[in-house]
């Protein structure tokens, strides 16, 4: 059964007011291959304490990620900046929606302190969508990157950004701060955008990834989708081709899990064997890396994946020069 979270922290307002009057969708029983352990380790508790002490939010909690126990036990956390309330209302997402508050100018410093205290080798920074801001929060991303660089210079940094739709120059501001990995998720196949991701546009997101590679070719580009929302295998393969045309080097594909009865239902559960087939197809299409599996998420094992990415790019370059 999916975790049901009905209200935002410290408030009586519905977590998803735009979904409150929608009919309930039954939550499908998970198959045997989707099982996670309860988070009980000492390292999990330590990570949670550091996050709370610094007054930070994580997408691990806000999006009800199934890997939180594993990742936090290994001192991996994906920090979610610019508040806990998103200006969009995607049908798959468990992050609260509504009107966000003002930006916290001290947040970049606190994120950097938490990264240093957790001794992270690789930090992942994401955010809610902030369509209310003139730059979509790009300057806040850049400030957070720079604060981490100052506090923990040996830490590699990955950003998972919104699409900055209609915010001229926002992407450039983020890339000027020199993250090591630029990630923006396409989330699903284009035919499902009107139902699943109505506030976004598939080809705008694709172009954002392409422009990131054009502006900063040394930065690794990454994107991910979910399956189980009603897409076909052929549509997924086409998304792979689109990503490769945009220069994306790393693809993640995971199973969609329905957060509450008000969210989009699971159309079907893809099997581990099907995910293995998607990984083989992605690597055959030229991705440097492909993480495909029922519980794969954008930032799952991000640190180890970054090291592998660097090694594979170096190996590919060496072969090209040989």
Protein backbone atom coordinates (compact mmCIF):
# COMPACT_ATOMS: atom_id res chain seq x y z
CA UNK A 1 0.00 0.00 0.00
CA UNK A 2 1.31 3.46 -0.84
CA UNK A 3 2.00 5.96 1.91
CA UNK A 4 -0.82 8.49 2.09
CA UNK A 5 0.13 11.98 3.20
CA UNK A 6 -2.88 14.29 3.22
CA UNK A 7 -1.61 17.53 4.73
CA UNK A 8 1.45 19.72 4.53
CA UNK A 9 3.80 19.98 7.50
CA UNK A 10 2.34 21.93 10.38
CA UNK A 11 -0.78 22.86 8.45
CA UNK A 12 -4.35 21.67 8.05
CA UNK A 13 -4.55 22.53 4.33
CA UNK A 14 -4.73 19.63 1.89
CA UNK A 15 -1.36 18.59 0.54
CA UNK A 16 -2.81 18.38 -2.96
CA UNK A 17 -5.78 20.78 -3.11
CA UNK A 18 -6.05 20.45 -6.88
CA UNK A 19 -6.65 16.70 -6.48
CA UNK A 20 -9.06 16.87 -3.52
CA UNK A 21 -12.23 16.55 -5.60
CA UNK A 22 -10.95 13.95 -8.02
CA UNK A 23 -12.37 10.42 -7.78
CA UNK A 24 -10.24 7.90 -5.94
CA UNK A 25 -8.01 5.58 -7.95
CA UNK A 26 -7.48 2.16 -6.35
CA UNK A 27 -3.87 1.60 -5.27
CA UNK A 28 -2.64 -1.58 -6.93
CA UNK A 29 -0.95 -4.25 -4.85
CA UNK A 30 2.80 -4.22 -5.45
CA UNK A 31 4.40 -7.33 -6.95
CA UNK A 32 6.95 -9.41 -5.09
CA UNK A 33 9.94 -7.70 -6.73
CA UNK A 34 9.04 -4.30 -5.21
CA UNK A 35 9.96 -4.55 -1.55
CA UNK A 36 11.88 -2.10 0.62
CA UNK A 37 13.11 -2.36 4.19
CA UNK A 38 11.88 -0.03 6.91
CA UNK A 39 14.43 2.73 7.73
CA UNK A 40 15.85 1.77 11.13
CA UNK A 41 19.65 2.12 10.92
CA UNK A 42 21.75 4.45 13.07
CA UNK A 43 23.10 6.21 9.97
CA UNK A 44 19.52 6.82 8.78
CA UNK A 45 18.73 8.47 12.12
CA UNK A 46 21.93 10.55 11.93
CA UNK A 47 21.15 11.77 8.41
CA UNK A 48 17.59 12.65 9.44
CA UNK A 49 18.90 14.57 12.45
CA UNK A 50 21.35 16.62 10.35
CA UNK A 51 18.62 17.48 7.83
CA UNK A 52 16.27 18.57 10.61
CA UNK A 53 18.93 20.52 12.54
CA UNK A 54 19.66 22.60 9.45
CA UNK A 55 15.99 23.20 8.68
CA UNK A 56 16.19 21.58 5.27
CA UNK A 57 13.81 19.64 3.06
CA UNK A 58 14.67 16.54 1.03
CA UNK A 59 12.90 15.11 -1.97
CA UNK A 60 13.46 11.75 -0.27
CA UNK A 61 10.78 12.68 2.27
CA UNK A 62 8.57 15.04 0.28
CA UNK A 63 8.19 12.70 -2.70
CA UNK A 64 7.87 9.59 -0.49
CA UNK A 65 10.86 7.90 -2.15
CA UNK A 66 10.94 4.13 -1.54
CA UNK A 67 14.75 4.17 -1.26
CA UNK A 68 14.99 6.58 1.67
CA UNK A 69 16.06 3.90 4.16
CA UNK A 70 18.86 2.62 1.94
CA UNK A 71 20.12 6.03 0.83
CA UNK A 72 20.04 7.71 4.22
CA UNK A 73 21.75 4.72 5.80
CA UNK A 74 24.60 5.39 3.36
CA UNK A 75 24.50 9.14 4.11
CA UNK A 76 23.02 10.02 0.73
CA UNK A 77 20.28 12.64 0.64
CA UNK A 78 18.83 14.77 -2.14
CA UNK A 79 18.26 18.27 -0.82
CA UNK A 80 15.14 20.05 -2.06
CA UNK A 81 15.63 23.81 -2.06
CA UNK A 82 13.25 26.78 -2.36
CA UNK A 83 10.59 25.42 -0.02
CA UNK A 84 8.28 22.44 0.12
CA UNK A 85 5.41 23.76 -2.01
CA UNK A 86 5.41 23.39 -5.80
CA UNK A 87 3.61 25.72 -8.20
CA UNK A 88 2.65 22.84 -10.49
CA UNK A 89 0.40 19.85 -10.00
CA UNK A 90 1.78 16.80 -11.80
CA UNK A 91 -0.46 13.76 -11.58
CA UNK A 92 2.36 11.49 -10.36
CA UNK A 93 4.08 13.66 -7.73
CA UNK A 94 3.63 13.62 -3.95
CA UNK A 95 5.26 17.02 -3.32
CA UNK A 96 2.75 19.51 -1.92
CA UNK A 97 1.24 22.04 -4.33
CA UNK A 98 0.01 25.58 -3.83
CA UNK A 99 1.40 29.10 -3.39
CA UNK A 100 5.01 29.00 -2.09
CA UNK A 101 6.51 31.44 0.37
CA UNK A 102 9.47 33.75 -0.27
CA UNK A 103 12.94 32.32 -0.82
CA UNK A 104 15.13 31.75 2.22
CA UNK A 105 18.37 33.60 1.47
CA UNK A 106 20.21 31.61 4.16
CA UNK A 107 19.24 28.22 2.73
CA UNK A 108 22.32 27.80 0.47
CA UNK A 109 24.61 28.22 3.49
CA UNK A 110 22.66 25.65 5.53
CA UNK A 111 22.69 23.15 2.67
CA UNK A 112 26.46 23.58 2.36
CA UNK A 113 26.92 23.08 6.11
CA UNK A 114 24.83 19.89 6.01
CA UNK A 115 26.82 18.57 3.03
CA UNK A 116 30.08 19.19 4.90
CA UNK A 117 28.76 17.69 8.14
CA UNK A 118 27.55 14.58 6.33
CA UNK A 119 30.94 14.37 4.56
CA UNK A 120 29.21 13.83 1.24
CA UNK A 121 31.43 12.96 -1.71
CA UNK A 122 28.55 13.73 -4.08
CA UNK A 123 25.68 16.13 -3.35
CA UNK A 124 22.39 16.21 -5.25
CA UNK A 125 20.34 19.41 -5.23
CA UNK A 126 16.80 19.57 -6.59
CA UNK A 127 13.86 21.90 -6.06
CA UNK A 128 10.16 22.39 -6.37
CA UNK A 129 8.94 24.23 -9.46
CA UNK A 130 8.91 27.98 -8.76
CA UNK A 131 7.01 29.48 -11.67
CA UNK A 132 6.30 32.48 -9.42
CA UNK A 133 9.95 33.62 -9.56
CA UNK A 134 11.33 35.71 -12.41
CA UNK A 135 14.24 33.30 -12.93
CA UNK A 136 12.48 30.14 -11.76
CA UNK A 137 14.96 29.93 -8.88
CA UNK A 138 18.07 29.68 -11.08
CA UNK A 139 20.07 32.16 -8.96
CA UNK A 140 19.18 30.19 -5.82
CA UNK A 141 20.51 27.02 -7.45
CA UNK A 142 23.71 28.86 -8.37
CA UNK A 143 24.11 30.24 -4.83
CA UNK A 144 23.70 26.74 -3.40
CA UNK A 145 26.31 25.30 -5.76
CA UNK A 146 28.80 28.01 -4.84
CA UNK A 147 28.14 27.60 -1.11
CA UNK A 148 28.83 23.86 -1.35
CA UNK A 149 32.03 24.50 -3.32
CA UNK A 150 33.24 26.85 -0.56
CA UNK A 151 32.33 24.57 2.34
CA UNK A 152 33.24 21.23 0.77
CA UNK A 153 35.52 21.75 -2.28
CA UNK A 154 36.08 18.03 -2.91
CA UNK A 155 32.35 17.27 -3.16
CA UNK A 156 30.97 16.76 -6.66
CA UNK A 157 27.61 18.43 -7.29
CA UNK A 158 24.60 17.25 -9.26
CA UNK A 159 21.59 19.47 -9.88
CA UNK A 160 18.14 18.18 -10.80
CA UNK A 161 16.35 21.29 -12.02
CA UNK A 162 12.87 22.30 -13.14
CA UNK A 163 12.37 23.19 -16.81
CA UNK A 164 12.63 26.99 -16.18
CA UNK A 165 9.87 27.34 -18.76
CA UNK A 166 9.69 30.90 -20.06
CA UNK A 167 12.61 32.10 -17.89
CA UNK A 168 15.13 33.54 -20.32
CA UNK A 169 18.74 33.05 -19.21
CA UNK A 170 17.90 30.81 -16.23
CA UNK A 171 19.76 27.76 -17.54
CA UNK A 172 22.87 29.85 -18.18
CA UNK A 173 22.85 31.11 -14.58
CA UNK A 174 22.84 27.55 -13.22
CA UNK A 175 25.55 26.33 -15.57
CA UNK A 176 27.80 29.32 -14.82
CA UNK A 177 28.05 27.96 -11.27
CA UNK A 178 29.61 24.82 -12.80
CA UNK A 179 27.73 21.79 -11.45
CA UNK A 180 29.33 18.45 -12.34
CA UNK A 181 26.04 16.89 -13.48
CA UNK A 182 23.00 18.64 -14.96
CA UNK A 183 19.85 16.55 -14.63
CA UNK A 184 16.35 17.38 -15.83
CA UNK A 185 13.79 14.60 -15.96
CA UNK A 186 11.47 14.13 -18.94
CA UNK A 187 9.38 12.00 -16.53
CA UNK A 188 7.22 10.24 -19.14
CA UNK A 189 6.62 9.76 -22.85
CA UNK A 190 5.26 12.76 -24.83
CA UNK A 191 1.83 11.25 -25.41
CA UNK A 192 1.15 11.18 -21.66
CA UNK A 193 2.19 14.78 -20.92
CA UNK A 194 -1.35 16.28 -21.05
CA UNK A 195 -2.54 13.83 -18.38
CA UNK A 196 0.60 13.26 -16.30
CA UNK A 197 2.67 16.45 -16.61
CA UNK A 198 0.21 19.10 -17.82
CA UNK A 199 2.28 22.11 -16.71
CA UNK A 200 5.27 21.10 -18.84
CA UNK A 201 6.06 20.55 -22.51
CA UNK A 202 8.05 17.53 -23.68
CA UNK A 203 10.05 19.26 -26.41
CA UNK A 204 10.84 22.23 -24.18
CA UNK A 205 12.36 19.85 -21.62
CA UNK A 206 14.25 18.03 -24.35
CA UNK A 207 15.61 21.31 -25.71
CA UNK A 208 16.70 22.33 -22.19
CA UNK A 209 18.88 19.23 -21.99
CA UNK A 210 20.27 19.85 -25.46
CA UNK A 211 21.11 23.48 -24.62
CA UNK A 212 22.81 22.43 -21.40
CA UNK A 213 25.18 20.25 -23.40
CA UNK A 214 25.74 23.01 -25.95
CA UNK A 215 26.49 25.63 -23.28
CA UNK A 216 28.65 23.43 -21.04
CA UNK A 217 29.84 20.36 -22.98
CA UNK A 218 32.07 19.27 -20.07
CA UNK A 219 29.06 18.88 -17.75
CA UNK A 220 27.43 15.44 -17.69
CA UNK A 221 23.77 15.53 -18.74
CA UNK A 222 21.24 13.17 -17.28
CA UNK A 223 17.50 12.55 -17.53
CA UNK A 224 14.96 10.00 -16.38
CA UNK A 225 11.46 8.69 -16.94
CA UNK A 226 8.97 6.52 -15.09
CA UNK A 227 7.20 3.54 -16.61
CA UNK A 228 3.89 2.02 -15.60
CA UNK A 229 1.69 4.99 -16.51
CA UNK A 230 0.35 3.52 -19.75
CA UNK A 231 3.29 3.95 -22.13
CA UNK A 232 4.42 1.31 -24.63
CA UNK A 233 7.94 -0.09 -24.98
CA UNK A 234 8.18 1.51 -28.41
CA UNK A 235 7.41 4.92 -26.91
CA UNK A 236 10.13 4.43 -24.29
CA UNK A 237 12.64 3.50 -27.00
CA UNK A 238 11.69 6.68 -28.89
CA UNK A 239 12.35 8.76 -25.77
CA UNK A 240 15.79 7.15 -25.59
CA UNK A 241 16.46 8.22 -29.18
CA UNK A 242 15.26 11.75 -28.41
CA UNK A 243 17.56 11.96 -25.39
CA UNK A 244 20.55 10.76 -27.37
CA UNK A 245 19.85 13.36 -30.07
CA UNK A 246 19.91 15.95 -27.27
CA UNK A 247 23.29 14.67 -26.05
CA UNK A 248 22.06 13.08 -22.83
CA UNK A 249 24.68 10.69 -21.47
CA UNK A 250 22.92 9.02 -18.54
CA UNK A 251 19.34 7.74 -18.46
CA UNK A 252 17.38 6.47 -15.44
CA UNK A 253 14.17 4.46 -15.76
CA UNK A 254 12.11 3.36 -12.76
CA UNK A 255 8.68 2.05 -11.93
CA UNK A 256 5.98 4.60 -11.13
CA UNK A 257 4.45 3.97 -7.69
CA UNK A 258 1.15 5.68 -6.88
CA UNK A 259 1.54 7.92 -3.79
CA UNK A 260 -2.19 8.23 -2.89
CA UNK A 261 -5.62 7.36 -4.24
CA UNK A 262 -5.86 10.86 -5.71
CA UNK A 263 -2.82 10.37 -7.93
CA UNK A 264 -2.61 8.74 -11.35
CA UNK A 265 -3.11 4.97 -11.10
CA UNK A 266 -0.44 2.42 -12.00
CA UNK A 267 -1.33 1.02 -15.42
CA UNK A 268 0.99 -1.95 -14.93
CA UNK A 269 4.17 -3.07 -13.19
CA UNK A 270 7.10 -3.67 -15.51
CA UNK A 271 9.07 -6.81 -14.63
CA UNK A 272 12.77 -6.89 -13.72
CA UNK A 273 13.41 -8.71 -17.01
CA UNK A 274 11.77 -5.88 -18.94
CA UNK A 275 13.94 -3.33 -17.13
CA UNK A 276 17.02 -5.38 -18.03
CA UNK A 277 15.92 -5.22 -21.66
CA UNK A 278 15.54 -1.43 -21.45
CA UNK A 279 19.05 -1.12 -20.03
CA UNK A 280 20.52 -3.19 -22.86
CA UNK A 281 18.66 -1.07 -25.40
CA UNK A 282 19.86 2.19 -23.80
CA UNK A 283 23.50 1.12 -23.81
CA UNK A 284 23.18 -0.05 -27.41
CA UNK A 285 21.88 3.41 -28.33
CA UNK A 286 25.03 5.03 -26.97
CA UNK A 287 24.27 6.16 -23.42
CA UNK A 288 27.38 6.11 -21.24
CA UNK A 289 25.24 4.80 -18.39
CA UNK A 290 21.73 3.44 -17.93
CA UNK A 291 20.13 2.71 -14.55
CA UNK A 292 16.92 0.76 -15.14
CA UNK A 293 14.98 -1.10 -12.47
CA UNK A 294 11.74 -1.12 -10.48
CA UNK A 295 13.14 1.03 -7.64
CA UNK A 296 15.53 3.20 -9.68
CA UNK A 297 15.11 6.91 -9.01
CA UNK A 298 16.99 9.94 -10.40
CA UNK A 299 19.44 10.32 -7.54
CA UNK A 300 19.61 6.71 -6.34
CA UNK A 301 23.32 5.75 -6.11
CA UNK A 302 24.16 9.10 -7.71
CA UNK A 303 27.64 9.30 -6.18
CA UNK A 304 28.81 5.91 -7.42
CA UNK A 305 27.15 6.57 -10.77
CA UNK A 306 29.05 9.85 -11.14
CA UNK A 307 32.39 8.11 -10.60
CA UNK A 308 31.43 5.47 -13.16
CA UNK A 309 30.37 8.19 -15.60
CA UNK A 310 33.77 9.88 -15.38
CA UNK A 311 35.56 6.59 -15.94
CA UNK A 312 33.41 5.69 -18.95
CA UNK A 313 33.83 9.11 -20.55
CA UNK A 314 37.60 8.86 -20.08
CA UNK A 315 37.59 5.34 -21.54
CA UNK A 316 35.45 6.44 -24.49
CA UNK A 317 37.75 9.40 -25.16
CA UNK A 318 40.81 7.17 -25.01
CA UNK A 319 39.29 4.76 -27.52
CA UNK A 320 38.39 7.64 -29.80
CA UNK A 321 41.98 8.87 -29.75
CA UNK A 322 43.45 5.41 -30.23
